[in-house]
Amino acid sequence: MTDPIVRAAAEHDLPEVLNLYRHLHPHDPQLETAAAERVWSTLLTSGFMTMIVAQAAELLVSSCTLAIVPTCLAAADHMG
């Protein structure tokens, strides 16, 4: 078995991420391509979020969204 590679998601990962999500949530409505591309671009360029994917045998097998949440709590220190 090949060890998975965990890395930051890239723009070219969108189709595989959508395939993974369809597998995990088969009853959810599918996003139109333009809407998915807009959201994906926003996620990838956000200064507050990082999309992480795990790739095994050339397939994306997992994703994770890491977020830094600005707050007025805890002396305005970031929570994440």
C-alpha atoms as a PDB file:
ATOM      1  CA  MET A   1       0.000   0.000   0.000  1.00  0.00           C
ATOM      2  CA  THR A   2       1.232   3.464  -0.875  1.00  0.00           C
ATOM      3  CA  ASP A   3       1.499   5.986   1.934  1.00  0.00           C
ATOM      4  CA  PRO A   4      -0.817   8.945   1.339  1.00  0.00           C
ATOM      5  CA  ILE A   5       0.628  12.330   0.493  1.00  0.00           C
ATOM      6  CA  VAL A   6      -0.883  15.146   2.542  1.00  0.00           C
ATOM      7  CA  ARG A   7      -0.552  18.551   0.905  1.00  0.00           C
ATOM      8  CA  ALA A   8      -2.209  21.883   0.353  1.00  0.00           C
ATOM      9  CA  ALA A   9      -4.900  21.724  -2.295  1.00  0.00           C
ATOM     10  CA  ALA A  10      -4.274  23.322  -5.671  1.00  0.00           C
ATOM     11  CA  GLU A  11      -6.601  24.752  -8.293  1.00  0.00           C
ATOM     12  CA  HIS A  12      -6.335  21.586 -10.419  1.00  0.00           C
ATOM     13  CA  ASP A  13      -7.699  19.485  -7.515  1.00  0.00           C
ATOM     14  CA  LEU A  14     -11.266  20.793  -7.831  1.00  0.00           C
ATOM     15  CA  PRO A  15     -12.651  17.975 -10.034  1.00  0.00           C
ATOM     16  CA  GLU A  16     -11.270  15.284  -7.717  1.00  0.00           C
ATOM     17  CA  VAL A  17     -12.491  17.102  -4.603  1.00  0.00           C
ATOM     18  CA  LEU A  18     -15.973  17.308  -6.139  1.00  0.00           C
ATOM     19  CA  ASN A  19     -15.828  13.565  -6.946  1.00  0.00           C
ATOM     20  CA  LEU A  20     -14.847  12.844  -3.350  1.00  0.00           C
ATOM     21  CA  TYR A  21     -17.703  15.006  -2.025  1.00  0.00           C
ATOM     22  CA  ARG A  22     -20.198  13.293  -4.380  1.00  0.00           C
ATOM     23  CA  HIS A  23     -19.042   9.948  -3.010  1.00  0.00           C
ATOM     24  CA  LEU A  24     -19.427  11.111   0.601  1.00  0.00           C
ATOM     25  CA  HIS A  25     -22.719  12.994   0.057  1.00  0.00           C
ATOM     26  CA  PRO A  26     -24.461  11.300  -2.901  1.00  0.00           C
ATOM     27  CA  HIS A  27     -27.820  12.981  -2.247  1.00  0.00           C
ATOM     28  CA  ASP A  28     -26.500  16.551  -2.186  1.00  0.00           C
ATOM     29  CA  PRO A  29     -27.261  18.608  -5.296  1.00  0.00           C
ATOM     30  CA  GLN A  30     -24.297  19.115  -7.616  1.00  0.00           C
ATOM     31  CA  LEU A  31     -22.872  22.594  -7.971  1.00  0.00           C
ATOM     32  CA  GLU A  32     -22.722  24.110 -11.407  1.00  0.00           C
ATOM     33  CA  THR A  33     -19.136  24.261 -12.648  1.00  0.00           C
ATOM     34  CA  ALA A  34     -18.927  28.068 -12.543  1.00  0.00           C
ATOM     35  CA  ALA A  35     -20.223  28.203  -8.962  1.00  0.00           C
ATOM     36  CA  ALA A  36     -17.832  25.462  -7.838  1.00  0.00           C
ATOM     37  CA  GLU A  37     -14.890  27.249  -9.458  1.00  0.00           C
ATOM     38  CA  ARG A  38     -15.809  30.548  -7.746  1.00  0.00           C
ATOM     39  CA  VAL A  39     -16.063  28.922  -4.318  1.00  0.00           C
ATOM     40  CA  TRP A  40     -12.866  26.898  -4.834  1.00  0.00           C
ATOM     41  CA  SER A  41     -10.949  30.003  -5.876  1.00  0.00           C
ATOM     42  CA  THR A  42     -12.218  31.859  -2.804  1.00  0.00           C
ATOM     43  CA  LEU A  43     -11.152  28.988  -0.534  1.00  0.00           C
ATOM     44  CA  LEU A  44      -7.705  28.719  -2.092  1.00  0.00           C
ATOM     45  CA  THR A  45      -6.971  32.454  -1.959  1.00  0.00           C
ATOM     46  CA  SER A  46      -8.406  33.151   1.484  1.00  0.00           C
ATOM     47  CA  GLY A  47      -5.912  34.391   4.004  1.00  0.00           C
ATOM     48  CA  PHE A  48      -7.952  32.704   6.726  1.00  0.00           C
ATOM     49  CA  MET A  49      -8.335  29.187   5.287  1.00  0.00           C
ATOM     50  CA  THR A  50      -6.180  26.424   3.873  1.00  0.00           C
ATOM     51  CA  MET A  51      -7.583  23.419   2.046  1.00  0.00           C
ATOM     52  CA  ILE A  52      -5.620  20.238   2.734  1.00  0.00           C
ATOM     53  CA  VAL A  53      -5.975  17.049   0.681  1.00  0.00           C
ATOM     54  CA  ALA A  54      -4.653  13.531   1.079  1.00  0.00           C
ATOM     55  CA  GLN A  55      -3.687  11.728  -2.098  1.00  0.00           C
ATOM     56  CA  ALA A  56      -3.134   7.970  -2.352  1.00  0.00           C
ATOM     57  CA  ALA A  57      -2.422   6.064  -5.561  1.00  0.00           C
ATOM     58  CA  GLU A  58      -3.169   9.172  -7.641  1.00  0.00           C
ATOM     59  CA  LEU A  59      -6.623   9.622  -6.038  1.00  0.00           C
ATOM     60  CA  LEU A  60      -7.745  12.223  -3.530  1.00  0.00           C
ATOM     61  CA  VAL A  61      -9.030  10.254  -0.568  1.00  0.00           C
ATOM     62  CA  SER A  62      -9.585  12.987   1.998  1.00  0.00           C
ATOM     63  CA  SER A  63      -9.897  16.732   2.421  1.00  0.00           C
ATOM     64  CA  CYS A  64      -9.793  19.107   5.345  1.00  0.00           C
ATOM     65  CA  THR A  65     -10.416  22.820   5.698  1.00  0.00           C
ATOM     66  CA  LEU A  66      -8.198  24.566   8.243  1.00  0.00           C
ATOM     67  CA  ALA A  67      -9.492  27.965   9.317  1.00  0.00           C
ATOM     68  CA  ILE A  68      -8.093  30.828  11.345  1.00  0.00           C
ATOM     69  CA  VAL A  69     -11.026  32.663  12.880  1.00  0.00           C
ATOM     70  CA  PRO A  70     -10.493  36.293  13.896  1.00  0.00           C
ATOM     71  CA  THR A  71     -12.189  37.027  17.210  1.00  0.00           C
ATOM     72  CA  CYS A  72     -12.725  39.711  19.795  1.00  0.00           C
ATOM     73  CA  LEU A  73     -12.288  37.128  22.544  1.00  0.00           C
ATOM     74  CA  ALA A  74      -9.012  36.205  24.199  1.00  0.00           C
ATOM     75  CA  ALA A  75      -7.468  39.643  23.677  1.00  0.00           C
ATOM     76  CA  ALA A  76      -8.273  39.455  19.936  1.00  0.00           C
ATOM     77  CA  ASP A  77      -5.960  36.478  19.486  1.00  0.00           C
ATOM     78  CA  HIS A  78      -6.840  34.236  16.549  1.00  0.00           C
ATOM     79  CA  MET A  79      -8.715  31.022  17.186  1.00  0.00           C
ATOM     80  CA  GLY A  80      -8.262  28.078  14.846  1.00  0.00           C
END
